[in-house]
Amino acid sequence: MASGKSKSSDGGFAWREFGDDNSPALERPIQESPPDKQNLRVQATRAGRKGKTVTVITGFQAKPETLQSLLKQLKAQCGSGGTVKENEIEIQGEHKQKILDFLIKLGYKAKISGG
């Protein structure tokens, strides 16, 4: 009985017990750490990408705007495409060493992870 939701005729919810799921109150604030306090991992992987190699950088403690700015710089540095997914940066192709050198030059603590 206590489902907390009832569907209206137009497909939306007529009533919610705990408010909107996209409420700003439910979002966690992201603490932006300085680059020298972040431990990043750079790894090339093919898992789940139909055999295409992607270089993934994980371990960021930064806001989405900062990640987008860094992504733009990395894409220009590597000459390839990329995206930000779930607080990780993915760059198309295998660019581990090039990305590692660039991140260290920017002041990040980064390591190559995996084989």
PDB file of N, CA and C in Angstrom:
ATOM      1  N   MET A   1       0.811  -1.185   0.000  1.00  0.00           N
ATOM      2  CA  MET A   1       0.000   0.000   0.000  1.00  0.00           C
ATOM      3  C   MET A   1       0.856   1.250   0.000  1.00  0.00           C
ATOM      4  N   ALA A   2       2.019   1.213   0.634  1.00  0.00           N
ATOM      5  CA  ALA A   2       2.845   2.412   0.777  1.00  0.00           C
ATOM      6  C   ALA A   2       3.857   2.517  -0.365  1.00  0.00           C
ATOM      7  N   SER A   3       3.362   2.526  -1.597  1.00  0.00           N
ATOM      8  CA  SER A   3       4.293   2.618  -2.727  1.00  0.00           C
ATOM      9  C   SER A   3       4.822   4.028  -2.894  1.00  0.00           C
ATOM     10  N   GLY A   4       4.060   5.020  -2.530  1.00  0.00           N
ATOM     11  CA  GLY A   4       4.530   6.397  -2.611  1.00  0.00           C
ATOM     12  C   GLY A   4       4.354   7.020  -3.983  1.00  0.00           C
ATOM     13  N   LYS A   5       3.799   6.269  -4.919  1.00  0.00           N
ATOM     14  CA  LYS A   5       3.647   6.793  -6.270  1.00  0.00           C
ATOM     15  C   LYS A   5       2.287   6.380  -6.813  1.00  0.00           C
ATOM     16  N   SER A   6       1.722   7.207  -7.626  1.00  0.00           N
ATOM     17  CA  SER A   6       0.552   6.818  -8.382  1.00  0.00           C
ATOM     18  C   SER A   6       0.661   7.436  -9.754  1.00  0.00           C
ATOM     19  N   LYS A   7       0.380   6.650 -10.767  1.00  0.00           N
ATOM     20  CA  LYS A   7       0.494   7.116 -12.145  1.00  0.00           C
ATOM     21  C   LYS A   7      -0.724   7.938 -12.519  1.00  0.00           C
ATOM     22  N   SER A   8      -0.477   9.026 -13.241  1.00  0.00           N
ATOM     23  CA  SER A   8      -1.595   9.793 -13.778  1.00  0.00           C
ATOM     24  C   SER A   8      -1.857   9.307 -15.194  1.00  0.00           C
ATOM     25  N   SER A   9      -2.877   9.793 -15.798  1.00  0.00           N
ATOM     26  CA  SER A   9      -3.279   9.315 -17.123  1.00  0.00           C
ATOM     27  C   SER A   9      -2.272   9.687 -18.209  1.00  0.00           C
ATOM     28  N   ASP A  10      -1.470  10.750 -18.016  1.00  0.00           N
ATOM     29  CA  ASP A  10      -0.515  11.160 -19.042  1.00  0.00           C
ATOM     30  C   ASP A  10       0.846  10.471 -18.881  1.00  0.00           C
ATOM     31  N   GLY A  11       0.978   9.528 -17.966  1.00  0.00           N
ATOM     32  CA  GLY A  11       2.222   8.784 -17.815  1.00  0.00           C
ATOM     33  C   GLY A  11       3.147   9.352 -16.758  1.00  0.00           C
ATOM     34  N   GLY A  12       2.956  10.587 -16.319  1.00  0.00           N
ATOM     35  CA  GLY A  12       3.779  11.180 -15.275  1.00  0.00           C
ATOM     36  C   GLY A  12       3.258  10.778 -13.907  1.00  0.00           C
ATOM     37  N   PHE A  13       3.943  11.166 -12.895  1.00  0.00           N
ATOM     38  CA  PHE A  13       3.512  10.834 -11.549  1.00  0.00           C
ATOM     39  C   PHE A  13       2.679  11.978 -10.992  1.00  0.00           C
ATOM     40  N   ALA A  14       1.548  11.630 -10.403  1.00  0.00           N
ATOM     41  CA  ALA A  14       0.668  12.634  -9.832  1.00  0.00           C
ATOM     42  C   ALA A  14       1.111  13.017  -8.429  1.00  0.00           C
ATOM     43  N   TRP A  15       1.800  12.106  -7.745  1.00  0.00           N
ATOM     44  CA  TRP A  15       2.171  12.354  -6.363  1.00  0.00           C
ATOM     45  C   TRP A  15       3.416  11.562  -6.029  1.00  0.00           C
ATOM     46  N   ARG A  16       4.333  12.170  -5.324  1.00  0.00           N
ATOM     47  CA  ARG A  16       5.539  11.487  -4.845  1.00  0.00           C
ATOM     48  C   ARG A  16       5.689  11.793  -3.363  1.00  0.00           C
ATOM     49  N   GLU A  17       6.001  10.770  -2.619  1.00  0.00           N
ATOM     50  CA  GLU A  17       6.130  10.933  -1.181  1.00  0.00           C
ATOM     51  C   GLU A  17       7.386  11.707  -0.808  1.00  0.00           C
ATOM     52  N   PHE A  18       8.481  11.483  -1.531  1.00  0.00           N
ATOM     53  CA  PHE A  18       9.750  12.075  -1.142  1.00  0.00           C
ATOM     54  C   PHE A  18      10.279  13.081  -2.147  1.00  0.00           C
ATOM     55  N   GLY A  19       9.464  13.640  -2.974  1.00  0.00           N
ATOM     56  CA  GLY A  19       9.892  14.681  -3.896  1.00  0.00           C
ATOM     57  C   GLY A  19      10.405  14.151  -5.213  1.00  0.00           C
ATOM     58  N   ASP A  20      10.955  15.046  -6.006  1.00  0.00           N
ATOM     59  CA  ASP A  20      11.446  14.740  -7.340  1.00  0.00           C
ATOM     60  C   ASP A  20      12.782  14.004  -7.262  1.00  0.00           C
ATOM     61  N   ASP A  21      12.966  12.986  -8.112  1.00  0.00           N
ATOM     62  CA  ASP A  21      14.218  12.229  -8.125  1.00  0.00           C
ATOM     63  C   ASP A  21      15.391  13.075  -8.591  1.00  0.00           C
ATOM     64  N   ASN A  22      15.154  14.121  -9.370  1.00  0.00           N
ATOM     65  CA  ASN A  22      16.214  14.969  -9.900  1.00  0.00           C
ATOM     66  C   ASN A  22      16.411  16.229  -9.058  1.00  0.00           C
ATOM     67  N   SER A  23      15.972  16.186  -7.834  1.00  0.00           N
ATOM     68  CA  SER A  23      16.056  17.342  -6.956  1.00  0.00           C
ATOM     69  C   SER A  23      17.514  17.691  -6.650  1.00  0.00           C
ATOM     70  N   PRO A  24      17.856  18.988  -6.642  1.00  0.00           N
ATOM     71  CA  PRO A  24      19.227  19.375  -6.282  1.00  0.00           C
ATOM     72  C   PRO A  24      19.624  18.929  -4.872  1.00  0.00           C
ATOM     73  N   ALA A  25      18.656  18.722  -4.016  1.00  0.00           N
ATOM     74  CA  ALA A  25      18.957  18.290  -2.658  1.00  0.00           C
ATOM     75  C   ALA A  25      19.520  16.871  -2.631  1.00  0.00           C
ATOM     76  N   LEU A  26      19.215  16.066  -3.644  1.00  0.00           N
ATOM     77  CA  LEU A  26      19.696  14.693  -3.675  1.00  0.00           C
ATOM     78  C   LEU A  26      21.082  14.567  -4.290  1.00  0.00           C
ATOM     79  N   GLU A  27      21.568  15.609  -4.953  1.00  0.00           N
ATOM     80  CA  GLU A  27      22.881  15.561  -5.567  1.00  0.00           C
ATOM     81  C   GLU A  27      23.964  15.712  -4.502  1.00  0.00           C
ATOM     82  N   ARG A  28      25.009  14.926  -4.648  1.00  0.00           N
ATOM     83  CA  ARG A  28      26.121  15.023  -3.717  1.00  0.00           C
ATOM     84  C   ARG A  28      27.066  16.113  -4.182  1.00  0.00           C
ATOM     85  N   PRO A  29      27.508  16.951  -3.273  1.00  0.00           N
ATOM     86  CA  PRO A  29      28.490  17.952  -3.686  1.00  0.00           C
ATOM     87  C   PRO A  29      29.833  17.277  -3.971  1.00  0.00           C
ATOM     88  N   ILE A  30      30.494  17.728  -5.022  1.00  0.00           N
ATOM     89  CA  ILE A  30      31.780  17.153  -5.402  1.00  0.00           C
ATOM     90  C   ILE A  30      32.881  18.047  -4.860  1.00  0.00           C
ATOM     91  N   GLN A  31      33.757  17.447  -4.065  1.00  0.00           N
ATOM     92  CA  GLN A  31      34.884  18.183  -3.531  1.00  0.00           C
ATOM     93  C   GLN A  31      35.976  18.237  -4.592  1.00  0.00           C
ATOM     94  N   GLU A  32      36.340  19.422  -5.008  1.00  0.00           N
ATOM     95  CA  GLU A  32      37.389  19.577  -6.014  1.00  0.00           C
ATOM     96  C   GLU A  32      38.732  19.628  -5.302  1.00  0.00           C
ATOM     97  N   SER A  33      39.540  18.595  -5.526  1.00  0.00           N
ATOM     98  CA  SER A  33      40.871  18.537  -4.936  1.00  0.00           C
ATOM     99  C   SER A  33      41.880  19.138  -5.903  1.00  0.00           C
ATOM    100  N   PRO A  34      42.961  19.727  -5.387  1.00  0.00           N
ATOM    101  CA  PRO A  34      44.007  20.221  -6.285  1.00  0.00           C
ATOM    102  C   PRO A  34      44.681  19.050  -7.004  1.00  0.00           C
ATOM    103  N   PRO A  35      45.255  19.297  -8.185  1.00  0.00           N
ATOM    104  CA  PRO A  35      45.844  18.208  -8.967  1.00  0.00           C
ATOM    105  C   PRO A  35      46.875  17.370  -8.207  1.00  0.00           C
ATOM    106  N   ASP A  36      47.687  17.991  -7.359  1.00  0.00           N
ATOM    107  CA  ASP A  36      48.729  17.221  -6.670  1.00  0.00           C
ATOM    108  C   ASP A  36      48.178  16.329  -5.566  1.00  0.00           C
ATOM    109  N   LYS A  37      46.892  16.447  -5.226  1.00  0.00           N
ATOM    110  CA  LYS A  37      46.261  15.606  -4.204  1.00  0.00           C
ATOM    111  C   LYS A  37      45.454  14.463  -4.816  1.00  0.00           C
ATOM    112  N   GLN A  38      45.385  14.397  -6.150  1.00  0.00           N
ATOM    113  CA  GLN A  38      44.596  13.363  -6.816  1.00  0.00           C
ATOM    114  C   GLN A  38      45.513  12.248  -7.314  1.00  0.00           C
ATOM    115  N   ASN A  39      45.118  11.017  -7.060  1.00  0.00           N
ATOM    116  CA  ASN A  39      45.864   9.851  -7.529  1.00  0.00           C
ATOM    117  C   ASN A  39      45.126   9.264  -8.722  1.00  0.00           C
ATOM    118  N   LEU A  40      45.642   9.508  -9.915  1.00  0.00           N
ATOM    119  CA  LEU A  40      44.984   9.070 -11.137  1.00  0.00           C
ATOM    120  C   LEU A  40      45.597   7.781 -11.644  1.00  0.00           C
ATOM    121  N   ARG A  41      44.794   6.979 -12.313  1.00  0.00           N
ATOM    122  CA  ARG A  41      45.231   5.745 -12.954  1.00  0.00           C
ATOM    123  C   ARG A  41      44.927   5.857 -14.436  1.00  0.00           C
ATOM    124  N   VAL A  42      45.928   5.555 -15.264  1.00  0.00           N
ATOM    125  CA  VAL A  42      45.780   5.579 -16.714  1.00  0.00           C
ATOM    126  C   VAL A  42      45.871   4.143 -17.194  1.00  0.00           C
ATOM    127  N   GLN A  43      44.843   3.688 -17.913  1.00  0.00           N
ATOM    128  CA  GLN A  43      44.787   2.291 -18.317  1.00  0.00           C
ATOM    129  C   GLN A  43      44.187   2.177 -19.715  1.00  0.00           C
ATOM    130  N   ALA A  44      44.766   1.344 -20.560  1.00  0.00           N
ATOM    131  CA  ALA A  44      44.194   1.045 -21.865  1.00  0.00           C
ATOM    132  C   ALA A  44      43.362  -0.221 -21.737  1.00  0.00           C
ATOM    133  N   THR A  45      42.153  -0.195 -22.271  1.00  0.00           N
ATOM    134  CA  THR A  45      41.260  -1.337 -22.150  1.00  0.00           C
ATOM    135  C   THR A  45      40.443  -1.506 -23.426  1.00  0.00           C
ATOM    136  N   ARG A  46      39.970  -2.728 -23.620  1.00  0.00           N
ATOM    137  CA  ARG A  46      39.070  -3.022 -24.739  1.00  0.00           C
ATOM    138  C   ARG A  46      37.748  -3.589 -24.249  1.00  0.00           C
ATOM    139  N   ALA A  47      37.627  -3.833 -22.973  1.00  0.00           N
ATOM    140  CA  ALA A  47      36.469  -4.507 -22.409  1.00  0.00           C
ATOM    141  C   ALA A  47      35.173  -3.755 -22.717  1.00  0.00           C
ATOM    142  N   GLY A  48      34.227  -4.447 -23.322  1.00  0.00           N
ATOM    143  CA  GLY A  48      32.922  -3.880 -23.587  1.00  0.00           C
ATOM    144  C   GLY A  48      32.893  -2.836 -24.687  1.00  0.00           C
ATOM    145  N   ARG A  49      33.923  -2.826 -25.544  1.00  0.00           N
ATOM    146  CA  ARG A  49      33.982  -1.795 -26.586  1.00  0.00           C
ATOM    147  C   ARG A  49      34.172  -2.402 -27.975  1.00  0.00           C
ATOM    148  N   LYS A  50      33.742  -3.636 -28.145  1.00  0.00           N
ATOM    149  CA  LYS A  50      33.792  -4.336 -29.437  1.00  0.00           C
ATOM    150  C   LYS A  50      35.195  -4.369 -30.037  1.00  0.00           C
ATOM    151  N   GLY A  51      36.206  -4.579 -29.194  1.00  0.00           N
ATOM    152  CA  GLY A  51      37.571  -4.712 -29.667  1.00  0.00           C
ATOM    153  C   GLY A  51      38.321  -3.417 -29.884  1.00  0.00           C
ATOM    154  N   LYS A  52      37.675  -2.290 -29.697  1.00  0.00           N
ATOM    155  CA  LYS A  52      38.341  -0.990 -29.867  1.00  0.00           C
ATOM    156  C   LYS A  52      39.080  -0.633 -28.579  1.00  0.00           C
ATOM    157  N   THR A  53      40.311  -0.170 -28.712  1.00  0.00           N
ATOM    158  CA  THR A  53      41.105   0.207 -27.548  1.00  0.00           C
ATOM    159  C   THR A  53      40.761   1.632 -27.122  1.00  0.00           C
ATOM    160  N   VAL A  54      40.576   1.811 -25.818  1.00  0.00           N
ATOM    161  CA  VAL A  54      40.267   3.104 -25.231  1.00  0.00           C
ATOM    162  C   VAL A  54      41.185   3.296 -24.033  1.00  0.00           C
ATOM    163  N   THR A  55      41.756   4.482 -23.888  1.00  0.00           N
ATOM    164  CA  THR A  55      42.564   4.800 -22.712  1.00  0.00           C
ATOM    165  C   THR A  55      41.654   5.471 -21.693  1.00  0.00           C
ATOM    166  N   VAL A  56      41.575   4.898 -20.494  1.00  0.00           N
ATOM    167  CA  VAL A  56      40.674   5.379 -19.447  1.00  0.00           C
ATOM    168  C   VAL A  56      41.502   5.971 -18.316  1.00  0.00           C
ATOM    169  N   ILE A  57      41.124   7.178 -17.883  1.00  0.00           N
ATOM    170  CA  ILE A  57      41.777   7.837 -16.748  1.00  0.00           C
ATOM    171  C   ILE A  57      40.771   7.885 -15.612  1.00  0.00           C
ATOM    172  N   THR A  58      41.095   7.264 -14.479  1.00  0.00           N
ATOM    173  CA  THR A  58      40.189   7.199 -13.335  1.00  0.00           C
ATOM    174  C   THR A  58      40.827   7.858 -12.115  1.00  0.00           C
ATOM    175  N   GLY A  59      40.003   8.105 -11.098  1.00  0.00           N
ATOM    176  CA  GLY A  59      40.487   8.636  -9.836  1.00  0.00           C
ATOM    177  C   GLY A  59      40.303  10.137  -9.682  1.00  0.00           C
ATOM    178  N   PHE A  60      39.523  10.747 -10.553  1.00  0.00           N
ATOM    179  CA  PHE A  60      39.336  12.194 -10.473  1.00  0.00           C
ATOM    180  C   PHE A  60      38.457  12.577  -9.296  1.00  0.00           C
ATOM    181  N   GLN A  61      38.818  13.687  -8.667  1.00  0.00           N
ATOM    182  CA  GLN A  61      37.995  14.325  -7.640  1.00  0.00           C
ATOM    183  C   GLN A  61      37.803  15.759  -8.096  1.00  0.00           C
ATOM    184  N   ALA A  62      37.009  15.916  -9.154  1.00  0.00           N
ATOM    185  CA  ALA A  62      36.861  17.224  -9.774  1.00  0.00           C
ATOM    186  C   ALA A  62      35.428  17.419 -10.244  1.00  0.00           C
ATOM    187  N   LYS A  63      35.086  18.665 -10.468  1.00  0.00           N
ATOM    188  CA  LYS A  63      33.759  19.016 -10.972  1.00  0.00           C
ATOM    189  C   LYS A  63      33.673  18.685 -12.458  1.00  0.00           C
ATOM    190  N   PRO A  64      32.463  18.473 -12.962  1.00  0.00           N
ATOM    191  CA  PRO A  64      32.294  18.149 -14.385  1.00  0.00           C
ATOM    192  C   PRO A  64      32.886  19.199 -15.327  1.00  0.00           C
ATOM    193  N   GLU A  65      32.837  20.476 -14.941  1.00  0.00           N
ATOM    194  CA  GLU A  65      33.395  21.530 -15.794  1.00  0.00           C
ATOM    195  C   GLU A  65      34.915  21.366 -15.929  1.00  0.00           C
ATOM    196  N   THR A  66      35.570  21.003 -14.841  1.00  0.00           N
ATOM    197  CA  THR A  66      37.013  20.783 -14.856  1.00  0.00           C
ATOM    198  C   THR A  66      37.366  19.586 -15.720  1.00  0.00           C
ATOM    199  N   LEU A  67      36.556  18.521 -15.611  1.00  0.00           N
ATOM    200  CA  LEU A  67      36.806  17.328 -16.419  1.00  0.00           C
ATOM    201  C   LEU A  67      36.623  17.619 -17.904  1.00  0.00           C
ATOM    202  N   GLN A  68      35.617  18.420 -18.247  1.00  0.00           N
ATOM    203  CA  GLN A  68      35.399  18.770 -19.653  1.00  0.00           C
ATOM    204  C   GLN A  68      36.575  19.574 -20.196  1.00  0.00           C
ATOM    205  N   SER A  69      37.095  20.488 -19.392  1.00  0.00           N
ATOM    206  CA  SER A  69      38.237  21.287 -19.816  1.00  0.00           C
ATOM    207  C   SER A  69      39.470  20.402 -20.025  1.00  0.00           C
ATOM    208  N   LEU A  70      39.715  19.491 -19.083  1.00  0.00           N
ATOM    209  CA  LEU A  70      40.843  18.580 -19.194  1.00  0.00           C
ATOM    210  C   LEU A  70      40.667  17.641 -20.389  1.00  0.00           C
ATOM    211  N   LEU A  71      39.438  17.185 -20.615  1.00  0.00           N
ATOM    212  CA  LEU A  71      39.151  16.320 -21.757  1.00  0.00           C
ATOM    213  C   LEU A  71      39.515  17.015 -23.064  1.00  0.00           C
ATOM    214  N   LYS A  72      39.154  18.275 -23.187  1.00  0.00           N
ATOM    215  CA  LYS A  72      39.445  19.029 -24.402  1.00  0.00           C
ATOM    216  C   LYS A  72      40.958  19.105 -24.639  1.00  0.00           C
ATOM    217  N   GLN A  73      41.716  19.349 -23.573  1.00  0.00           N
ATOM    218  CA  GLN A  73      43.173  19.415 -23.686  1.00  0.00           C
ATOM    219  C   GLN A  73      43.761  18.058 -24.082  1.00  0.00           C
ATOM    220  N   LEU A  74      43.251  16.982 -23.478  1.00  0.00           N
ATOM    221  CA  LEU A  74      43.767  15.647 -23.768  1.00  0.00           C
ATOM    222  C   LEU A  74      43.443  15.217 -25.197  1.00  0.00           C
ATOM    223  N   LYS A  75      42.244  15.549 -25.657  1.00  0.00           N
ATOM    224  CA  LYS A  75      41.878  15.203 -27.028  1.00  0.00           C
ATOM    225  C   LYS A  75      42.784  15.918 -28.027  1.00  0.00           C
ATOM    226  N   ALA A  76      43.091  17.180 -27.757  1.00  0.00           N
ATOM    227  CA  ALA A  76      43.992  17.928 -28.638  1.00  0.00           C
ATOM    228  C   ALA A  76      45.408  17.357 -28.581  1.00  0.00           C
ATOM    229  N   GLN A  77      45.848  16.965 -27.393  1.00  0.00           N
ATOM    230  CA  GLN A  77      47.190  16.406 -27.207  1.00  0.00           C
ATOM    231  C   GLN A  77      47.349  15.083 -27.950  1.00  0.00           C
ATOM    232  N   CYS A  78      46.301  14.240 -27.914  1.00  0.00           N
ATOM    233  CA  CYS A  78      46.376  12.911 -28.514  1.00  0.00           C
ATOM    234  C   CYS A  78      45.894  12.896 -29.962  1.00  0.00           C
ATOM    235  N   GLY A  79      45.184  13.917 -30.374  1.00  0.00           N
ATOM    236  CA  GLY A  79      44.660  13.947 -31.730  1.00  0.00           C
ATOM    237  C   GLY A  79      43.579  12.916 -31.961  1.00  0.00           C
ATOM    238  N   SER A  80      42.747  12.687 -30.948  1.00  0.00           N
ATOM    239  CA  SER A  80      41.670  11.703 -31.088  1.00  0.00           C
ATOM    240  C   SER A  80      40.463  12.158 -30.281  1.00  0.00           C
ATOM    241  N   GLY A  81      39.390  11.388 -30.392  1.00  0.00           N
ATOM    242  CA  GLY A  81      38.151  11.715 -29.690  1.00  0.00           C
ATOM    243  C   GLY A  81      38.164  11.197 -28.278  1.00  0.00           C
ATOM    244  N   GLY A  82      37.162  11.596 -27.529  1.00  0.00           N
ATOM    245  CA  GLY A  82      37.049  11.140 -26.155  1.00  0.00           C
ATOM    246  C   GLY A  82      35.772  11.626 -25.513  1.00  0.00           C
ATOM    247  N   THR A  83      35.541  11.188 -24.274  1.00  0.00           N
ATOM    248  CA  THR A  83      34.337  11.563 -23.551  1.00  0.00           C
ATOM    249  C   THR A  83      34.579  11.458 -22.048  1.00  0.00           C
ATOM    250  N   VAL A  84      33.650  12.046 -21.291  1.00  0.00           N
ATOM    251  CA  VAL A  84      33.642  11.904 -19.834  1.00  0.00           C
ATOM    252  C   VAL A  84      32.459  11.021 -19.479  1.00  0.00           C
ATOM    253  N   LYS A  85      32.714   9.928 -18.760  1.00  0.00           N
ATOM    254  CA  LYS A  85      31.659   9.020 -18.312  1.00  0.00           C
ATOM    255  C   LYS A  85      31.882   8.678 -16.855  1.00  0.00           C
ATOM    256  N   GLU A  86      30.888   8.933 -16.031  1.00  0.00           N
ATOM    257  CA  GLU A  86      30.918   8.550 -14.614  1.00  0.00           C
ATOM    258  C   GLU A  86      32.204   8.972 -13.919  1.00  0.00           C
ATOM    259  N   ASN A  87      32.571  10.229 -14.069  1.00  0.00           N
ATOM    260  CA  ASN A  87      33.750  10.815 -13.424  1.00  0.00           C
ATOM    261  C   ASN A  87      35.060  10.176 -13.893  1.00  0.00           C
ATOM    262  N   GLU A  88      35.057   9.632 -15.101  1.00  0.00           N
ATOM    263  CA  GLU A  88      36.249   9.082 -15.741  1.00  0.00           C
ATOM    264  C   GLU A  88      36.374   9.708 -17.115  1.00  0.00           C
ATOM    265  N   ILE A  89      37.592   9.837 -17.610  1.00  0.00           N
ATOM    266  CA  ILE A  89      37.815  10.341 -18.957  1.00  0.00           C
ATOM    267  C   ILE A  89      38.245   9.173 -19.831  1.00  0.00           C
ATOM    268  N   GLU A  90      37.607   9.048 -21.007  1.00  0.00           N
ATOM    269  CA  GLU A  90      37.964   8.023 -21.974  1.00  0.00           C
ATOM    270  C   GLU A  90      38.476   8.706 -23.233  1.00  0.00           C
ATOM    271  N   ILE A  91      39.647   8.291 -23.689  1.00  0.00           N
ATOM    272  CA  ILE A  91      40.248   8.807 -24.915  1.00  0.00           C
ATOM    273  C   ILE A  91      40.370   7.636 -25.888  1.00  0.00           C
ATOM    274  N   GLN A  92      39.914   7.825 -27.113  1.00  0.00           N
ATOM    275  CA  GLN A  92      39.960   6.753 -28.109  1.00  0.00           C
ATOM    276  C   GLN A  92      41.403   6.441 -28.484  1.00  0.00           C
ATOM    277  N   GLY A  93      41.724   5.157 -28.528  1.00  0.00           N
ATOM    278  CA  GLY A  93      43.061   4.716 -28.898  1.00  0.00           C
ATOM    279  C   GLY A  93      43.927   4.453 -27.682  1.00  0.00           C
ATOM    280  N   GLU A  94      45.118   3.933 -27.943  1.00  0.00           N
ATOM    281  CA  GLU A  94      46.047   3.640 -26.850  1.00  0.00           C
ATOM    282  C   GLU A  94      47.083   4.753 -26.752  1.00  0.00           C
ATOM    283  N   HIS A  95      46.902   5.616 -25.737  1.00  0.00           N
ATOM    284  CA  HIS A  95      47.756   6.784 -25.545  1.00  0.00           C
ATOM    285  C   HIS A  95      48.245   6.864 -24.102  1.00  0.00           C
ATOM    286  N   LYS A  96      48.529   5.724 -23.483  1.00  0.00           N
ATOM    287  CA  LYS A  96      48.878   5.708 -22.057  1.00  0.00           C
ATOM    288  C   LYS A  96      50.052   6.617 -21.731  1.00  0.00           C
ATOM    289  N   GLN A  97      51.159   6.436 -22.423  1.00  0.00           N
ATOM    290  CA  GLN A  97      52.365   7.183 -22.071  1.00  0.00           C
ATOM    291  C   GLN A  97      52.206   8.673 -22.363  1.00  0.00           C
ATOM    292  N   LYS A  98      51.582   9.005 -23.471  1.00  0.00           N
ATOM    293  CA  LYS A  98      51.385  10.395 -23.845  1.00  0.00           C
ATOM    294  C   LYS A  98      50.489  11.113 -22.815  1.00  0.00           C
ATOM    295  N   ILE A  99      49.416  10.435 -22.394  1.00  0.00           N
ATOM    296  CA  ILE A  99      48.502  11.012 -21.406  1.00  0.00           C
ATOM    297  C   ILE A  99      49.189  11.123 -20.053  1.00  0.00           C
ATOM    298  N   LEU A 100      49.947  10.086 -19.666  1.00  0.00           N
ATOM    299  CA  LEU A 100      50.664  10.107 -18.390  1.00  0.00           C
ATOM    300  C   LEU A 100      51.620  11.298 -18.332  1.00  0.00           C
ATOM    301  N   ASP A 101      52.410  11.493 -19.383  1.00  0.00           N
ATOM    302  CA  ASP A 101      53.351  12.615 -19.418  1.00  0.00           C
ATOM    303  C   ASP A 101      52.632  13.954 -19.328  1.00  0.00           C
ATOM    304  N   PHE A 102      51.508  14.084 -20.026  1.00  0.00           N
ATOM    305  CA  PHE A 102      50.753  15.335 -20.027  1.00  0.00           C
ATOM    306  C   PHE A 102      50.150  15.618 -18.646  1.00  0.00           C
ATOM    307  N   LEU A 103      49.583  14.582 -17.994  1.00  0.00           N
ATOM    308  CA  LEU A 103      48.989  14.772 -16.665  1.00  0.00           C
ATOM    309  C   LEU A 103      50.051  15.146 -15.632  1.00  0.00           C
ATOM    310  N   ILE A 104      51.216  14.526 -15.709  1.00  0.00           N
ATOM    311  CA  ILE A 104      52.299  14.857 -14.775  1.00  0.00           C
ATOM    312  C   ILE A 104      52.754  16.288 -14.991  1.00  0.00           C
ATOM    313  N   LYS A 105      52.813  16.714 -16.251  1.00  0.00           N
ATOM    314  CA  LYS A 105      53.195  18.088 -16.568  1.00  0.00           C
ATOM    315  C   LYS A 105      52.183  19.098 -15.994  1.00  0.00           C
ATOM    316  N   LEU A 106      50.897  18.697 -15.925  1.00  0.00           N
ATOM    317  CA  LEU A 106      49.859  19.562 -15.349  1.00  0.00           C
ATOM    318  C   LEU A 106      49.860  19.530 -13.817  1.00  0.00           C
ATOM    319  N   GLY A 107      50.652  18.638 -13.214  1.00  0.00           N
ATOM    320  CA  GLY A 107      50.756  18.586 -11.758  1.00  0.00           C
ATOM    321  C   GLY A 107      49.985  17.471 -11.094  1.00  0.00           C
ATOM    322  N   TYR A 108      49.359  16.589 -11.867  1.00  0.00           N
ATOM    323  CA  TYR A 108      48.621  15.464 -11.300  1.00  0.00           C
ATOM    324  C   TYR A 108      49.590  14.343 -10.902  1.00  0.00           C
ATOM    325  N   LYS A 109      49.203  13.579  -9.878  1.00  0.00           N
ATOM    326  CA  LYS A 109      49.935  12.361  -9.532  1.00  0.00           C
ATOM    327  C   LYS A 109      49.247  11.234 -10.309  1.00  0.00           C
ATOM    328  N   ALA A 110      49.940  10.687 -11.315  1.00  0.00           N
ATOM    329  CA  ALA A 110      49.326   9.685 -12.179  1.00  0.00           C
ATOM    330  C   ALA A 110      50.262   8.502 -12.343  1.00  0.00           C
ATOM    331  N   LYS A 111      49.667   7.329 -12.547  1.00  0.00           N
ATOM    332  CA  LYS A 111      50.409   6.099 -12.773  1.00  0.00           C
ATOM    333  C   LYS A 111      49.727   5.320 -13.883  1.00  0.00           C
ATOM    334  N   ILE A 112      50.503   4.512 -14.587  1.00  0.00           N
ATOM    335  CA  ILE A 112      49.925   3.585 -15.549  1.00  0.00           C
ATOM    336  C   ILE A 112      49.477   2.351 -14.787  1.00  0.00           C
ATOM    337  N   SER A 113      48.255   1.926 -15.057  1.00  0.00           N
ATOM    338  CA  SER A 113      47.661   0.785 -14.374  1.00  0.00           C
ATOM    339  C   SER A 113      47.416  -0.330 -15.385  1.00  0.00           C
ATOM    340  N   GLY A 114      47.568  -1.558 -14.977  1.00  0.00           N
ATOM    341  CA  GLY A 114      47.318  -2.684 -15.867  1.00  0.00           C
ATOM    342  C   GLY A 114      48.491  -2.936 -16.792  1.00  0.00           C
ATOM    343  N   GLY A 115      48.295  -3.896 -17.708  1.00  0.00           N
ATOM    344  CA  GLY A 115      49.373  -4.307 -18.596  1.00  0.00           C
ATOM    345  C   GLY A 115      49.404  -3.490 -19.803  1.00  0.00           C
TER     346      GLY A 115
END
